N, C-alpha and C. Protein backbone atom coordinates (compact mmCIF):
# COMPACT_ATOMS: atom_id res chain seq x y z
N UNK A 1 105.74 73.40 86.02
CA UNK A 1 105.39 74.37 86.65
C UNK A 1 104.27 74.92 86.53
N UNK A 2 103.19 75.03 87.44
CA UNK A 2 101.59 76.32 87.27
C UNK A 2 102.49 77.14 88.22
N UNK A 3 102.08 78.42 87.57
CA UNK A 3 101.55 79.72 88.27
C UNK A 3 100.63 80.00 89.35
N UNK A 4 100.73 79.76 90.17
CA UNK A 4 99.80 79.52 91.64
C UNK A 4 99.32 80.82 91.78
N UNK A 5 100.11 82.31 92.09
CA UNK A 5 100.12 83.12 92.52
C UNK A 5 100.90 84.64 91.51
N UNK A 6 100.62 85.69 91.86
CA UNK A 6 101.75 86.51 90.91
C UNK A 6 101.21 87.89 91.86
N UNK A 7 102.31 88.59 92.41
CA UNK A 7 101.94 89.82 93.53
C UNK A 7 102.59 91.10 92.65
N UNK A 8 101.63 92.10 91.78
CA UNK A 8 102.71 92.73 91.09
C UNK A 8 103.02 93.80 92.24
N UNK A 9 104.07 94.58 92.16
CA UNK A 9 104.51 95.81 93.04
C UNK A 9 105.21 97.01 92.06
N UNK A 10 104.12 98.27 92.61
CA UNK A 10 104.72 99.46 91.29
C UNK A 10 105.46 100.28 92.48
N UNK A 11 106.40 100.97 92.05
CA UNK A 11 106.87 101.89 92.47
C UNK A 11 107.81 102.96 91.87
N UNK A 12 108.05 104.24 92.45
CA UNK A 12 108.75 105.38 91.82
C UNK A 12 109.99 105.69 91.86
N UNK A 13 110.80 105.60 91.29
CA UNK A 13 112.42 105.76 91.59
C UNK A 13 112.52 107.46 91.81
N UNK A 14 113.71 107.73 92.45
CA UNK A 14 113.82 109.64 93.12
C UNK A 14 113.54 110.12 91.47
N UNK A 15 113.38 110.19 90.43
CA UNK A 15 113.29 110.97 89.11
C UNK A 15 111.63 110.52 88.93
N UNK A 16 110.93 110.09 89.48
CA UNK A 16 109.61 109.96 89.77
C UNK A 16 109.13 108.97 88.29
N UNK A 17 109.71 108.31 88.27
CA UNK A 17 109.65 107.13 86.86
C UNK A 17 109.02 106.01 87.53
N UNK A 18 107.99 105.26 86.86
CA UNK A 18 107.03 104.22 87.59
C UNK A 18 108.11 103.11 87.03
N UNK A 19 108.11 102.15 87.84
CA UNK A 19 108.80 100.45 87.89
C UNK A 19 107.56 99.51 88.08
N UNK A 20 107.96 98.48 87.71
CA UNK A 20 107.19 97.24 88.03
C UNK A 20 108.23 96.35 88.47
N UNK A 21 107.90 95.28 89.88
CA UNK A 21 108.78 94.20 89.69
C UNK A 21 107.39 92.99 90.11
N UNK A 22 107.56 91.90 90.19
CA UNK A 22 106.45 90.93 90.40
C UNK A 22 106.90 89.95 90.99
N UNK A 23 106.30 89.35 92.03
CA UNK A 23 106.64 88.25 93.12
C UNK A 23 105.82 87.09 92.55
N UNK A 24 106.26 86.19 91.76
CA UNK A 24 105.57 84.87 91.91
C UNK A 24 105.70 84.08 92.18
N UNK A 25 104.88 82.67 92.38
CA UNK A 25 104.70 81.81 93.17
C UNK A 25 104.48 80.52 92.08
N UNK A 26 105.45 79.56 92.20
CA UNK A 26 104.73 78.30 90.68
C UNK A 26 105.03 77.20 91.58
N UNK A 27 104.04 76.22 91.55
CA UNK A 27 104.28 74.69 92.05
C UNK A 27 104.13 73.69 90.86
N UNK A 28 105.33 73.09 91.50
CA UNK A 28 105.35 71.56 90.79
C UNK A 28 104.72 70.43 91.81
N UNK A 29 104.04 70.15 91.55
CA UNK A 29 102.98 69.39 91.69
C UNK A 29 103.79 67.87 91.75
N UNK A 30 103.92 66.59 93.21
CA UNK A 30 104.10 65.92 93.65
C UNK A 30 103.77 65.05 92.59
N UNK A 31 104.65 63.69 92.21
CA UNK A 31 104.80 62.64 91.19
C UNK A 31 105.57 61.76 91.90
N UNK A 32 104.60 60.29 91.40
CA UNK A 32 105.91 59.27 91.56
C UNK A 32 106.66 59.13 90.86
N UNK A 33 108.11 58.79 91.55
CA UNK A 33 109.49 58.42 90.98
C UNK A 33 109.63 56.57 91.13
N UNK A 34 109.66 56.51 90.08
CA UNK A 34 109.77 54.61 90.27
C UNK A 34 107.99 54.22 91.50
N UNK A 35 108.50 54.01 92.41
CA UNK A 35 107.35 53.41 93.29
C UNK A 35 107.38 54.11 94.57
N UNK A 36 107.82 55.12 94.42
CA UNK A 36 108.01 56.12 95.29
C UNK A 36 107.25 58.09 95.19
N UNK A 37 106.83 58.28 96.38
CA UNK A 37 106.12 59.39 95.80
C UNK A 37 106.50 60.87 96.13
N UNK A 38 107.04 61.68 94.77
CA UNK A 38 108.18 62.79 94.79
C UNK A 38 107.85 64.15 95.73
N UNK A 39 108.59 64.74 96.13
CA UNK A 39 108.09 65.99 97.37
C UNK A 39 106.78 66.97 96.39
N UNK A 40 107.53 67.15 95.38
CA UNK A 40 107.27 68.08 94.33
C UNK A 40 107.74 69.64 95.11
N UNK A 41 107.49 70.74 94.54
CA UNK A 41 108.32 71.74 95.06
C UNK A 41 107.65 73.28 94.92
N UNK A 42 107.95 74.45 95.86
CA UNK A 42 107.77 75.72 95.33
C UNK A 42 108.60 76.30 94.89
N UNK A 43 108.17 77.11 94.27
CA UNK A 43 109.62 78.14 93.10
C UNK A 43 108.68 79.81 93.63
N UNK A 44 109.63 80.31 94.38
CA UNK A 44 109.14 81.83 94.24
C UNK A 44 110.51 82.41 93.24
N UNK A 45 109.58 82.94 92.64
CA UNK A 45 110.60 83.83 91.50
C UNK A 45 110.52 85.34 91.49
N UNK A 46 111.62 85.98 91.93
CA UNK A 46 111.26 87.52 91.56
C UNK A 46 111.58 88.25 90.42
N UNK A 47 110.84 88.95 89.96
CA UNK A 47 110.95 89.18 88.38
C UNK A 47 111.62 91.09 88.79
N UNK A 48 112.26 91.47 87.79
CA UNK A 48 111.86 92.90 87.70
C UNK A 48 112.34 93.25 86.31
N UNK A 49 112.37 94.57 85.86
CA UNK A 49 112.30 94.68 84.41
C UNK A 49 113.83 94.28 83.64
N UNK A 50 114.65 94.17 84.32
CA UNK A 50 115.99 93.49 83.32
C UNK A 50 116.33 92.27 84.01
N UNK A 51 115.75 91.68 85.02
CA UNK A 51 116.24 90.20 86.06
C UNK A 51 115.23 89.84 86.25
N UNK A 52 115.82 88.38 86.23
CA UNK A 52 114.70 87.94 87.39
C UNK A 52 115.67 86.87 88.80
N UNK A 53 115.41 86.75 89.30
CA UNK A 53 115.93 85.40 90.26
C UNK A 53 115.01 84.23 91.11
N UNK A 54 115.11 82.77 91.09
CA UNK A 54 113.82 82.03 91.75
C UNK A 54 114.81 81.11 92.84
N UNK A 55 114.21 80.63 93.36
CA UNK A 55 114.01 80.00 94.93
C UNK A 55 113.49 78.71 94.78
N UNK A 56 114.12 77.36 94.49
CA UNK A 56 113.18 76.27 94.34
C UNK A 56 113.20 76.03 95.92
N UNK A 57 112.26 75.60 96.58
CA UNK A 57 112.12 74.98 97.81
C UNK A 57 110.93 73.98 97.98
N UNK A 58 111.68 73.30 98.92
CA UNK A 58 110.58 71.92 99.44
C UNK A 58 108.62 72.47 99.78
N UNK A 59 108.35 71.93 100.11
CA UNK A 59 107.09 72.51 101.09
C UNK A 59 107.59 72.61 102.14
N UNK A 60 108.28 71.60 103.03
CA UNK A 60 108.78 71.88 104.06
C UNK A 60 109.60 73.52 104.42
N UNK A 61 110.54 73.65 103.47
CA UNK A 61 110.95 75.07 103.60
C UNK A 61 110.28 76.19 103.13
N UNK A 62 109.22 75.71 102.29
CA UNK A 62 107.95 77.22 102.07
C UNK A 62 107.37 77.50 103.37
N UNK A 63 107.04 76.21 104.04
CA UNK A 63 106.35 76.59 105.30
C UNK A 63 106.59 76.88 106.23
N UNK A 64 108.01 77.04 106.39
CA UNK A 64 108.98 77.59 107.33
C UNK A 64 109.23 79.21 107.07
N UNK A 65 109.51 79.38 105.71
CA UNK A 65 108.99 80.96 105.15
C UNK A 65 108.10 81.28 105.33
N UNK A 66 106.77 80.48 104.90
CA UNK A 66 105.36 81.53 105.62
C UNK A 66 105.03 81.50 106.95
N UNK A 67 106.09 80.57 107.78
CA UNK A 67 105.16 80.95 108.78
C UNK A 67 106.65 82.08 109.80
N UNK A 68 107.70 82.39 109.18
CA UNK A 68 108.43 83.23 109.66
C UNK A 68 108.02 84.93 109.25
N UNK A 69 107.53 84.70 107.82
CA UNK A 69 106.96 86.18 107.25
C UNK A 69 105.54 86.47 107.94
N UNK A 70 104.74 85.56 108.72
CA UNK A 70 103.71 85.59 109.56
C UNK A 70 104.09 86.35 110.84
N UNK A 71 105.02 85.56 111.46
CA UNK A 71 105.91 86.06 112.71
C UNK A 71 106.01 87.22 112.88
N UNK A 72 107.10 88.10 111.72
CA UNK A 72 107.46 89.30 111.57
C UNK A 72 106.26 90.06 111.14
N UNK A 73 105.10 89.69 110.39
CA UNK A 73 104.16 90.21 110.07
C UNK A 73 103.75 90.63 111.64
N UNK A 74 103.33 89.85 112.11
CA UNK A 74 102.46 90.29 113.65
C UNK A 74 102.99 90.95 114.13
N UNK A 75 104.43 91.18 114.32
CA UNK A 75 105.29 91.97 115.11
C UNK A 75 105.31 93.33 114.70
N UNK A 76 105.52 93.27 113.53
CA UNK A 76 105.31 94.78 112.91
C UNK A 76 104.10 95.12 113.08
N UNK A 77 103.10 95.02 113.08
CA UNK A 77 101.55 95.26 113.08
C UNK A 77 101.31 95.34 114.40
N UNK A 78 101.88 94.83 115.25
CA UNK A 78 101.50 95.02 116.84
C UNK A 78 102.43 96.39 117.31
N UNK A 79 103.70 96.90 116.83
CA UNK A 79 104.61 98.03 117.09
C UNK A 79 103.69 99.07 115.90
N UNK A 80 103.10 98.68 115.26
CA UNK A 80 102.38 99.94 114.65
C UNK A 80 101.30 100.55 115.75
N UNK A 81 100.22 99.25 115.81
CA UNK A 81 99.44 99.24 116.79
C UNK A 81 99.86 100.11 118.31
N UNK A 82 101.08 99.74 119.09
CA UNK A 82 101.26 100.47 119.81
C UNK A 82 101.31 102.08 119.79
N UNK A 83 102.16 102.40 118.51
CA UNK A 83 102.27 103.82 117.88
C UNK A 83 100.99 104.60 118.36
N UNK A 84 100.26 103.81 117.48
CA UNK A 84 99.20 104.96 117.68
C UNK A 84 98.33 104.77 118.93
N UNK A 85 98.40 103.56 119.19
CA UNK A 85 98.33 104.33 121.26
C UNK A 85 98.49 105.21 121.76
N UNK A 86 100.10 105.27 121.71
CA UNK A 86 101.46 106.39 122.26
C UNK A 86 100.37 107.64 121.66
N UNK A 87 100.29 107.94 120.65
CA UNK A 87 100.36 108.84 119.20
C UNK A 87 98.75 109.57 120.29
N UNK A 88 97.80 108.87 120.53
CA UNK A 88 96.46 108.98 120.87
C UNK A 88 96.56 110.01 122.30
N UNK A 89 97.29 109.17 123.14
CA UNK A 89 96.79 109.22 124.54
C UNK A 89 98.04 110.55 124.72
N UNK A 90 98.69 110.87 124.11
CA UNK A 90 100.05 112.05 124.16
C UNK A 90 99.14 113.62 123.53
């Protein structure tokens, strides 16, 4: 598997101590399996300081997750725009 992207996330706990998490996307390329091409896969790996979890997805599953994230993000940004509009009117 090759690492396709990494998204580091830095945050501070209640005591002010800095921490780092990482979201990593890994790709397994499709290959021939006998006379048929395999699907390949996308691994979503969440790495904390002490542990990590991973989700292996088919390309179709990964597209579904991506579309859902896109729609949720659009909804949140639209609500934020509405809040700015209300603030500026009042």
